[in-house]
Amino acid sequence: MKAKAEAMKELSIGAGYWLVCCAWLLTIGPLSGIEGGCGNREAHKCCPGRNNDCLDFSRRRTPCYCDNYCEKTGDCCEDYHAICQVSAVDCVVGLWGPWSECSALCGTGSKDRMRQVIVPPRNGGTPCPDLKQRRGCLGDSPLCETAKEVAKILPNSFKRDFKDPWRRPHMLMREKMPSYCIYFRLKQVGAACNLHFWSSQLVRERRVCVECQGDAVGSKKRCQGDGLQGARTFWTAASVAGCQGSWVQESSQGICVCPPHSFIFV
C-alpha cells in the first residue's frame, strides 16, 4: 500500500508539472512563433523621416516602428538596426545647375536653379535635400528705359491727314512712314478723366487702341511711351489736366490704323 501511495504521489506530481509546462507553452507558443519587426514587412521595410504607417509589432506584440524617427522616440523594432541601418542608402544629388534668367525684364523678379537626384534614398536612408532654389533679382534689360516712358495721348480725331506743299522734303518723308497700332488694357484711370468728353472713354479694364502715326515717331523710330508687351506702363491725356493712369500692352500690329474712337500718340 505504501508503494502504491508513493506511485500515485509521483504520478500526480508529474501530471502537475506537465500541466504547468503545457500552460507555459500555450502562453509563449504563439508569441515565439511570430516573427515581428522590420524584416517581417512585405514592402517599404524601412522608411525615411517620420512615418506613422511604418510600424509593425514586436515579439511581445507591442507596436514598434521602422522609420528614422524611432531612434529619437526610442520605439524602434528589435531588428531595426540590423535591417534598416545596415541596408540604408542615403540620397545622393548632383551639382546645382545654372541660375535662370530674371523673371522680370524690369524691376523685381526671381531666378531659379535646380539639381537632380542621382541615387534615391532606400531602406530608411537620409532623405533628399532641396532640389530647387530661388533668389530675388532686378531686371536690367535695355528695354527698361522704354518702360519708364510716359505716353501722351489724344483722341484720333486730332490726326492730321493733309499734305502741305510748303513742307520740307525730310518732313514729307516722316509723314510717309506707316503707322502702327498698340492695344492696351487700362489698369488705372484718374478721376479727372471724367471731366472731358473724349477722356471719359478711358475706363478701367477697357481695351483701347493707340496709333503711332508717322509724324509722332521720334529719333528712336517709334512713338514715346508705346510700352512693352505684358508690362505695366503709364500714360497721360495731353489736353486734360490730371487725367492720367497706367495700362498693360497686350499686343501690337505694324502698318495699322486704329478703328474710330481710338487714340493717338502725341
C-alpha atoms as a PDB file:
ATOM      1  CA  MET A   1       0.000   0.000   0.000  1.00  0.00           C
ATOM      2  CA  LYS A   2       2.842   2.336   0.836  1.00  0.00           C
ATOM      3  CA  ALA A   3       4.427   1.731  -2.566  1.00  0.00           C
ATOM      4  CA  LYS A   4       1.146   2.349  -4.290  1.00  0.00           C
ATOM      5  CA  ALA A   5       0.683   5.641  -2.429  1.00  0.00           C
ATOM      6  CA  GLU A   6       4.144   6.788  -3.393  1.00  0.00           C
ATOM      7  CA  ALA A   7       3.492   5.866  -7.007  1.00  0.00           C
ATOM      8  CA  MET A   8       0.271   7.856  -7.018  1.00  0.00           C
ATOM      9  CA  LYS A   9       2.084  10.784  -5.460  1.00  0.00           C
ATOM     10  CA  GLU A  10       4.786  10.744  -8.124  1.00  0.00           C
ATOM     11  CA  LEU A  11       2.142  10.443 -10.804  1.00  0.00           C
ATOM     12  CA  SER A  12       0.259  13.463  -9.502  1.00  0.00           C
ATOM     13  CA  ILE A  13       3.450  15.489  -9.295  1.00  0.00           C
ATOM     14  CA  GLY A  14       4.357  14.547 -12.850  1.00  0.00           C
ATOM     15  CA  ALA A  15       0.890  15.413 -14.068  1.00  0.00           C
ATOM     16  CA  GLY A  16       1.057  18.767 -12.316  1.00  0.00           C
ATOM     17  CA  TYR A  17       4.436  19.513 -13.858  1.00  0.00           C
ATOM     18  CA  TRP A  18       3.101  18.517 -17.268  1.00  0.00           C
ATOM     19  CA  LEU A  19       0.098  20.836 -16.861  1.00  0.00           C
ATOM     20  CA  VAL A  20       2.375  23.735 -15.866  1.00  0.00           C
ATOM     21  CA  CYS A  21       4.575  23.115 -18.907  1.00  0.00           C
ATOM     22  CA  CYS A  22       1.567  22.987 -21.203  1.00  0.00           C
ATOM     23  CA  ALA A  23       0.210  26.209 -19.782  1.00  0.00           C
ATOM     24  CA  TRP A  24       3.591  27.892 -20.264  1.00  0.00           C
ATOM     25  CA  LEU A  25       3.829  26.667 -23.843  1.00  0.00           C
ATOM     26  CA  LEU A  26       0.318  27.857 -24.578  1.00  0.00           C
ATOM     27  CA  THR A  27       1.269  31.244 -23.201  1.00  0.00           C
ATOM     28  CA  ILE A  28       4.514  31.790 -25.129  1.00  0.00           C
ATOM     29  CA  GLY A  29       3.978  29.427 -28.043  1.00  0.00           C
ATOM     30  CA  PRO A  30       2.073  31.889 -30.264  1.00  0.00           C
ATOM     31  CA  LEU A  31       4.497  34.706 -29.423  1.00  0.00           C
ATOM     32  CA  SER A  32       7.657  32.715 -30.113  1.00  0.00           C
ATOM     33  CA  GLY A  33       6.293  31.604 -33.461  1.00  0.00           C
ATOM     34  CA  ILE A  34       5.655  35.169 -34.630  1.00  0.00           C
ATOM     35  CA  GLU A  35       8.453  36.973 -36.411  1.00  0.00           C
ATOM     36  CA  GLY A  36       7.784  40.669 -35.842  1.00  0.00           C
ATOM     37  CA  GLY A  37       9.832  43.755 -36.680  1.00  0.00           C
ATOM     38  CA  CYS A  38      11.159  45.472 -39.775  1.00  0.00           C
ATOM     39  CA  GLY A  39      12.302  42.304 -41.508  1.00  0.00           C
ATOM     40  CA  ASN A  40       8.765  40.947 -41.481  1.00  0.00           C
ATOM     41  CA  ARG A  41       7.317  43.815 -43.528  1.00  0.00           C
ATOM     42  CA  GLU A  42       6.483  42.867 -47.113  1.00  0.00           C
ATOM     43  CA  ALA A  43       7.127  46.314 -48.622  1.00  0.00           C
ATOM     44  CA  HIS A  44       8.834  49.509 -47.501  1.00  0.00           C
ATOM     45  CA  LYS A  45      10.615  47.745 -44.699  1.00  0.00           C
ATOM     46  CA  CYS A  46      12.326  50.948 -43.644  1.00  0.00           C
ATOM     47  CA  CYS A  47      11.042  54.494 -44.011  1.00  0.00           C
ATOM     48  CA  PRO A  48      12.875  57.847 -44.042  1.00  0.00           C
ATOM     49  CA  GLY A  49      11.915  60.623 -41.667  1.00  0.00           C
ATOM     50  CA  ARG A  50       8.785  60.194 -39.545  1.00  0.00           C
ATOM     51  CA  ASN A  51       6.097  57.858 -40.854  1.00  0.00           C
ATOM     52  CA  ASN A  52       3.411  56.545 -38.507  1.00  0.00           C
ATOM     53  CA  ASP A  53       2.403  53.933 -41.104  1.00  0.00           C
ATOM     54  CA  CYS A  54       5.877  52.387 -40.985  1.00  0.00           C
ATOM     55  CA  LEU A  55       5.121  50.181 -37.986  1.00  0.00           C
ATOM     56  CA  ASP A  56       4.948  46.531 -37.040  1.00  0.00           C
ATOM     57  CA  PHE A  57       4.709  44.563 -33.803  1.00  0.00           C
ATOM     58  CA  SER A  58       7.500  43.320 -31.620  1.00  0.00           C
ATOM     59  CA  ARG A  59       7.684  39.745 -30.365  1.00  0.00           C
ATOM     60  CA  ARG A  60       5.811  40.926 -27.311  1.00  0.00           C
ATOM     61  CA  ARG A  61       3.042  42.160 -29.582  1.00  0.00           C
ATOM     62  CA  THR A  62       3.666  45.831 -28.799  1.00  0.00           C
ATOM     63  CA  PRO A  63       3.795  48.447 -31.615  1.00  0.00           C
ATOM     64  CA  CYS A  64       7.260  49.260 -32.891  1.00  0.00           C
ATOM     65  CA  TYR A  65       8.457  51.432 -35.780  1.00  0.00           C
ATOM     66  CA  CYS A  66      10.878  51.152 -38.673  1.00  0.00           C
ATOM     67  CA  ASP A  67      11.287  54.839 -39.576  1.00  0.00           C
ATOM     68  CA  ASN A  68      14.280  57.052 -38.830  1.00  0.00           C
ATOM     69  CA  TYR A  69      12.327  58.938 -36.188  1.00  0.00           C
ATOM     70  CA  CYS A  70      12.078  55.864 -33.946  1.00  0.00           C
ATOM     71  CA  GLU A  71      15.659  56.430 -32.806  1.00  0.00           C
ATOM     72  CA  LYS A  72      14.558  59.709 -31.209  1.00  0.00           C
ATOM     73  CA  THR A  73      11.405  58.287 -29.656  1.00  0.00           C
ATOM     74  CA  GLY A  74      13.023  55.012 -28.601  1.00  0.00           C
ATOM     75  CA  ASP A  75      10.321  52.763 -30.086  1.00  0.00           C
ATOM     76  CA  CYS A  76      12.285  51.011 -32.848  1.00  0.00           C
ATOM     77  CA  CYS A  77      11.659  47.363 -33.601  1.00  0.00           C
ATOM     78  CA  GLU A  78      14.276  44.921 -32.279  1.00  0.00           C
ATOM     79  CA  ASP A  79      15.789  44.342 -35.723  1.00  0.00           C
ATOM     80  CA  TYR A  80      15.695  47.997 -36.824  1.00  0.00           C
ATOM     81  CA  HIS A  81      19.461  48.482 -36.704  1.00  0.00           C
ATOM     82  CA  ALA A  82      20.184  45.122 -38.325  1.00  0.00           C
ATOM     83  CA  ILE A  83      17.646  45.556 -41.127  1.00  0.00           C
ATOM     84  CA  CYS A  84      17.411  49.294 -41.706  1.00  0.00           C
ATOM     85  CA  GLN A  85      20.757  50.761 -40.726  1.00  0.00           C
ATOM     86  CA  VAL A  86      22.827  48.111 -42.479  1.00  0.00           C
ATOM     87  CA  SER A  87      20.874  48.282 -45.756  1.00  0.00           C
ATOM     88  CA  ALA A  88      20.092  52.026 -45.667  1.00  0.00           C
ATOM     89  CA  VAL A  89      21.051  54.018 -48.792  1.00  0.00           C
ATOM     90  CA  ASP A  90      21.287  57.772 -48.385  1.00  0.00           C
ATOM     91  CA  CYS A  91      20.097  60.173 -51.081  1.00  0.00           C
ATOM     92  CA  VAL A  92      22.778  61.491 -53.433  1.00  0.00           C
ATOM     93  CA  VAL A  93      22.176  64.630 -55.512  1.00  0.00           C
ATOM     94  CA  GLY A  94      24.147  66.245 -58.309  1.00  0.00           C
ATOM     95  CA  LEU A  95      25.612  69.719 -58.588  1.00  0.00           C
ATOM     96  CA  TRP A  96      23.451  72.815 -58.904  1.00  0.00           C
ATOM     97  CA  GLY A  97      22.616  73.890 -62.429  1.00  0.00           C
ATOM     98  CA  PRO A  98      22.997  77.475 -63.647  1.00  0.00           C
ATOM     99  CA  TRP A  99      20.654  80.232 -62.495  1.00  0.00           C
ATOM    100  CA  SER A 100      17.797  81.030 -64.853  1.00  0.00           C
ATOM    101  CA  GLU A 101      17.210  84.449 -66.346  1.00  0.00           C
ATOM    102  CA  CYS A 102      15.445  87.005 -64.178  1.00  0.00           C
ATOM    103  CA  SER A 103      11.679  86.556 -64.448  1.00  0.00           C
ATOM    104  CA  ALA A 104      11.187  90.323 -64.837  1.00  0.00           C
ATOM    105  CA  LEU A 105      12.620  92.359 -67.684  1.00  0.00           C
ATOM    106  CA  CYS A 106      12.468  95.406 -65.464  1.00  0.00           C
ATOM    107  CA  GLY A 107      12.157  95.726 -61.707  1.00  0.00           C
ATOM    108  CA  THR A 108      11.921  92.998 -59.072  1.00  0.00           C
ATOM    109  CA  GLY A 109      11.806  89.372 -60.185  1.00  0.00           C
ATOM    110  CA  SER A 110      13.292  85.994 -59.278  1.00  0.00           C
ATOM    111  CA  LYS A 111      15.827  83.448 -60.521  1.00  0.00           C
ATOM    112  CA  ASP A 112      15.733  79.662 -60.094  1.00  0.00           C
ATOM    113  CA  ARG A 113      18.250  76.844 -60.225  1.00  0.00           C
ATOM    114  CA  MET A 114      17.789  73.082 -59.867  1.00  0.00           C
ATOM    115  CA  ARG A 115      19.700  69.867 -59.255  1.00  0.00           C
ATOM    116  CA  GLN A 116      18.861  66.236 -59.951  1.00  0.00           C
ATOM    117  CA  VAL A 117      18.665  63.129 -57.762  1.00  0.00           C
ATOM    118  CA  ILE A 118      21.445  60.680 -58.643  1.00  0.00           C
ATOM    119  CA  VAL A 119      20.685  57.996 -56.046  1.00  0.00           C
ATOM    120  CA  PRO A 120      17.242  57.986 -54.370  1.00  0.00           C
ATOM    121  CA  PRO A 121      17.061  57.037 -50.659  1.00  0.00           C
ATOM    122  CA  ARG A 122      16.184  53.444 -49.805  1.00  0.00           C
ATOM    123  CA  ASN A 123      15.535  51.466 -46.657  1.00  0.00           C
ATOM    124  CA  GLY A 124      15.326  54.469 -44.401  1.00  0.00           C
ATOM    125  CA  GLY A 125      18.327  56.326 -45.817  1.00  0.00           C
ATOM    126  CA  THR A 126      18.756  60.074 -45.440  1.00  0.00           C
ATOM    127  CA  PRO A 127      16.043  61.922 -47.413  1.00  0.00           C
ATOM    128  CA  CYS A 128      16.974  64.141 -50.354  1.00  0.00           C
ATOM    129  CA  PRO A 129      17.684  67.826 -49.658  1.00  0.00           C
ATOM    130  CA  ASP A 130      16.022  70.671 -51.562  1.00  0.00           C
ATOM    131  CA  LEU A 131      16.240  70.240 -55.321  1.00  0.00           C
ATOM    132  CA  LYS A 132      15.248  73.806 -56.238  1.00  0.00           C
ATOM    133  CA  GLN A 133      16.470  77.194 -55.053  1.00  0.00           C
ATOM    134  CA  ARG A 134      15.099  80.671 -55.741  1.00  0.00           C
ATOM    135  CA  ARG A 135      16.512  84.118 -55.145  1.00  0.00           C
ATOM    136  CA  GLY A 136      15.482  87.665 -55.940  1.00  0.00           C
ATOM    137  CA  CYS A 137      16.835  89.715 -58.835  1.00  0.00           C
ATOM    138  CA  LEU A 138      16.376  93.017 -60.630  1.00  0.00           C
ATOM    139  CA  GLY A 139      15.694  93.008 -64.353  1.00  0.00           C
ATOM    140  CA  ASP A 140      18.200  95.135 -66.233  1.00  0.00           C
ATOM    141  CA  SER A 141      17.070  94.716 -69.826  1.00  0.00           C
ATOM    142  CA  PRO A 142      17.969  97.593 -72.166  1.00  0.00           C
ATOM    143  CA  LEU A 143      14.225  97.908 -72.781  1.00  0.00           C
ATOM    144  CA  CYS A 144      13.701  99.064 -69.194  1.00  0.00           C
ATOM    145  CA  GLU A 145      14.140 102.679 -70.277  1.00  0.00           C
ATOM    146  CA  THR A 146      11.158 102.244 -72.582  1.00  0.00           C
ATOM    147  CA  ALA A 147       9.055 101.038 -69.657  1.00  0.00           C
ATOM    148  CA  LYS A 148       9.851 104.248 -67.761  1.00  0.00           C
ATOM    149  CA  GLU A 149       8.479 106.492 -70.510  1.00  0.00           C
ATOM    150  CA  VAL A 150       5.080 108.140 -70.091  1.00  0.00           C
ATOM    151  CA  ALA A 151       2.868 108.127 -73.171  1.00  0.00           C
ATOM    152  CA  LYS A 152       0.961 111.283 -74.107  1.00  0.00           C
ATOM    153  CA  ILE A 153      -2.293 110.573 -75.926  1.00  0.00           C
ATOM    154  CA  LEU A 154      -5.116 112.385 -77.697  1.00  0.00           C
ATOM    155  CA  PRO A 155      -8.278 111.132 -79.405  1.00  0.00           C
ATOM    156  CA  ASN A 156      -7.692 110.068 -83.002  1.00  0.00           C
ATOM    157  CA  SER A 157      -9.957 112.905 -84.141  1.00  0.00           C
ATOM    158  CA  PHE A 158      -6.792 115.016 -83.788  1.00  0.00           C
ATOM    159  CA  LYS A 159      -4.969 113.113 -86.518  1.00  0.00           C
ATOM    160  CA  ARG A 160      -3.869 115.183 -89.474  1.00  0.00           C
ATOM    161  CA  ASP A 161      -4.485 113.856 -92.957  1.00  0.00           C
ATOM    162  CA  PHE A 162      -3.353 116.565 -95.319  1.00  0.00           C
ATOM    163  CA  LYS A 163      -0.307 117.411 -97.412  1.00  0.00           C
ATOM    164  CA  ASP A 164       1.370 120.782 -97.138  1.00  0.00           C
ATOM    165  CA  PRO A 165       3.252 121.710-100.341  1.00  0.00           C
ATOM    166  CA  TRP A 166       5.483 124.024 -98.284  1.00  0.00           C
ATOM    167  CA  ARG A 167       6.801 121.196 -96.138  1.00  0.00           C
ATOM    168  CA  ARG A 168      10.468 120.368 -96.463  1.00  0.00           C
ATOM    169  CA  PRO A 169      11.341 117.005 -98.097  1.00  0.00           C
ATOM    170  CA  HIS A 170      12.567 115.474 -94.830  1.00  0.00           C
ATOM    171  CA  MET A 171       9.213 116.377 -93.222  1.00  0.00           C
ATOM    172  CA  LEU A 172       7.322 114.738 -96.070  1.00  0.00           C
ATOM    173  CA  MET A 173       9.432 111.594 -95.605  1.00  0.00           C
ATOM    174  CA  ARG A 174       8.424 111.433 -91.948  1.00  0.00           C
ATOM    175  CA  GLU A 175       4.743 111.716 -92.851  1.00  0.00           C
ATOM    176  CA  LYS A 176       5.033 108.794 -95.256  1.00  0.00           C
ATOM    177  CA  MET A 177       6.189 106.428 -92.521  1.00  0.00           C
ATOM    178  CA  PRO A 178       3.470 103.811 -91.935  1.00  0.00           C
ATOM    179  CA  SER A 179       1.515 103.888 -88.709  1.00  0.00           C
ATOM    180  CA  TYR A 180       1.444 101.037 -86.208  1.00  0.00           C
ATOM    181  CA  CYS A 181      -1.094 100.203 -83.506  1.00  0.00           C
ATOM    182  CA  ILE A 182      -0.669  99.239 -79.872  1.00  0.00           C
ATOM    183  CA  TYR A 183      -3.505  97.632 -77.917  1.00  0.00           C
ATOM    184  CA  PHE A 184      -3.538  98.334 -74.168  1.00  0.00           C
ATOM    185  CA  ARG A 185      -5.638  97.202 -71.217  1.00  0.00           C
ATOM    186  CA  LEU A 186      -6.332 100.170 -68.931  1.00  0.00           C
ATOM    187  CA  LYS A 187      -5.431  99.416 -65.296  1.00  0.00           C
ATOM    188  CA  GLN A 188      -5.634 102.822 -63.601  1.00  0.00           C
ATOM    189  CA  VAL A 189      -7.626 105.885 -64.682  1.00  0.00           C
ATOM    190  CA  GLY A 190      -7.560 109.212 -62.828  1.00  0.00           C
ATOM    191  CA  ALA A 191     -10.839 110.794 -61.681  1.00  0.00           C
ATOM    192  CA  ALA A 192     -10.074 113.929 -63.713  1.00  0.00           C
ATOM    193  CA  CYS A 193     -10.629 111.959 -66.929  1.00  0.00           C
ATOM    194  CA  ASN A 194     -14.405 112.214 -66.360  1.00  0.00           C
ATOM    195  CA  LEU A 195     -14.254 115.991 -66.805  1.00  0.00           C
ATOM    196  CA  HIS A 196     -13.903 115.858 -70.593  1.00  0.00           C
ATOM    197  CA  PHE A 197     -15.987 114.036 -73.190  1.00  0.00           C
ATOM    198  CA  TRP A 198     -13.202 112.267 -75.050  1.00  0.00           C
ATOM    199  CA  SER A 199     -11.182 111.310 -71.954  1.00  0.00           C
ATOM    200  CA  SER A 200     -14.291 109.885 -70.256  1.00  0.00           C
ATOM    201  CA  GLN A 201     -13.925 106.968 -72.697  1.00  0.00           C
ATOM    202  CA  LEU A 202     -10.843 105.938 -70.726  1.00  0.00           C
ATOM    203  CA  VAL A 203     -12.366 103.393 -68.355  1.00  0.00           C
ATOM    204  CA  ARG A 204     -10.553 100.890 -66.149  1.00  0.00           C
ATOM    205  CA  GLU A 205     -10.136  97.403 -67.734  1.00  0.00           C
ATOM    206  CA  ARG A 206     -11.211  98.710 -71.140  1.00  0.00           C
ATOM    207  CA  ARG A 207      -9.120  97.621 -74.145  1.00  0.00           C
ATOM    208  CA  VAL A 208      -8.016 100.595 -76.218  1.00  0.00           C
ATOM    209  CA  CYS A 209      -6.114 101.019 -79.457  1.00  0.00           C
ATOM    210  CA  VAL A 210      -3.464 103.751 -79.659  1.00  0.00           C
ATOM    211  CA  GLU A 211      -1.992 104.574 -83.077  1.00  0.00           C
ATOM    212  CA  CYS A 212       1.563 105.727 -83.645  1.00  0.00           C
ATOM    213  CA  GLN A 213       1.460 107.957 -86.721  1.00  0.00           C
ATOM    214  CA  GLY A 214       4.498 108.896 -88.747  1.00  0.00           C
ATOM    215  CA  ASP A 215       4.670 112.493 -87.564  1.00  0.00           C
ATOM    216  CA  ALA A 216       4.790 111.354 -83.921  1.00  0.00           C
ATOM    217  CA  VAL A 217       7.748 108.998 -84.424  1.00  0.00           C
ATOM    218  CA  GLY A 218      10.832 110.169 -82.563  1.00  0.00           C
ATOM    219  CA  SER A 219      14.535 109.647 -83.059  1.00  0.00           C
ATOM    220  CA  LYS A 220      14.235 106.012 -81.927  1.00  0.00           C
ATOM    221  CA  LYS A 221      11.867 105.333 -84.836  1.00  0.00           C
ATOM    222  CA  ARG A 222       8.907 104.749 -82.561  1.00  0.00           C
ATOM    223  CA  CYS A 223       6.426 106.731 -80.504  1.00  0.00           C
ATOM    224  CA  GLN A 224       7.449 107.641 -76.984  1.00  0.00           C
ATOM    225  CA  GLY A 225       5.668 105.576 -74.341  1.00  0.00           C
ATOM    226  CA  ASP A 226       4.500 102.759 -76.631  1.00  0.00           C
ATOM    227  CA  GLY A 227       5.401 100.353 -73.792  1.00  0.00           C
ATOM    228  CA  LEU A 228       6.474  96.738 -73.526  1.00  0.00           C
ATOM    229  CA  GLN A 229       4.205  93.743 -74.073  1.00  0.00           C
ATOM    230  CA  GLY A 230       2.939  92.374 -70.770  1.00  0.00           C
ATOM    231  CA  ALA A 231       4.443  95.249 -68.768  1.00  0.00           C
ATOM    232  CA  ARG A 232       2.607  97.995 -66.904  1.00  0.00           C
ATOM    233  CA  THR A 233       3.498 101.498 -68.165  1.00  0.00           C
ATOM    234  CA  PHE A 234       1.985 104.940 -67.721  1.00  0.00           C
ATOM    235  CA  TRP A 235       0.034 107.425 -69.840  1.00  0.00           C
ATOM    236  CA  THR A 236      -1.369 110.944 -69.581  1.00  0.00           C
ATOM    237  CA  ALA A 237      -4.030 112.791 -71.573  1.00  0.00           C
ATOM    238  CA  ALA A 238      -2.309 115.672 -73.368  1.00  0.00           C
ATOM    239  CA  SER A 239      -5.226 118.132 -73.204  1.00  0.00           C
ATOM    240  CA  VAL A 240      -6.923 117.199 -69.880  1.00  0.00           C
ATOM    241  CA  ALA A 241      -5.070 118.230 -66.718  1.00  0.00           C
ATOM    242  CA  GLY A 242      -4.860 115.446 -64.138  1.00  0.00           C
ATOM    243  CA  CYS A 243      -6.144 112.733 -66.475  1.00  0.00           C
ATOM    244  CA  GLN A 244      -3.526 110.012 -66.224  1.00  0.00           C
ATOM    245  CA  GLY A 245      -3.105 106.375 -65.295  1.00  0.00           C
ATOM    246  CA  SER A 246      -1.454 103.083 -66.210  1.00  0.00           C
ATOM    247  CA  TRP A 247      -2.028 100.307 -68.728  1.00  0.00           C
ATOM    248  CA  VAL A 248      -0.580  96.984 -69.884  1.00  0.00           C
ATOM    249  CA  GLN A 249       0.351  96.372 -73.519  1.00  0.00           C
ATOM    250  CA  GLU A 250      -1.450  93.292 -74.828  1.00  0.00           C
ATOM    251  CA  SER A 251      -0.432  93.290 -78.491  1.00  0.00           C
ATOM    252  CA  SER A 252       0.985  95.398 -81.313  1.00  0.00           C
ATOM    253  CA  GLN A 253       0.376  95.497 -85.058  1.00  0.00           C
ATOM    254  CA  GLY A 254       2.523  97.032 -87.764  1.00  0.00           C
ATOM    255  CA  ILE A 255       1.190  99.047 -90.719  1.00  0.00           C
ATOM    256  CA  CYS A 256      -2.117  99.537 -88.992  1.00  0.00           C
ATOM    257  CA  VAL A 257      -4.816 102.157 -88.441  1.00  0.00           C
ATOM    258  CA  CYS A 258      -6.852 102.047 -85.231  1.00  0.00           C
ATOM    259  CA  PRO A 259     -10.671 101.902 -85.513  1.00  0.00           C
ATOM    260  CA  PRO A 260     -12.784 105.041 -84.914  1.00  0.00           C
ATOM    261  CA  HIS A 261     -12.979 106.488 -81.399  1.00  0.00           C
ATOM    262  CA  SER A 262      -9.475 105.373 -80.583  1.00  0.00           C
ATOM    263  CA  PHE A 263      -6.394 107.341 -79.598  1.00  0.00           C
ATOM    264  CA  ILE A 264      -3.058 108.511 -80.985  1.00  0.00           C
ATOM    265  CA  PHE A 265       0.387 109.073 -79.509  1.00  0.00           C
ATOM    266  CA  VAL A 266       1.469 112.708 -79.387  1.00  0.00           C
END
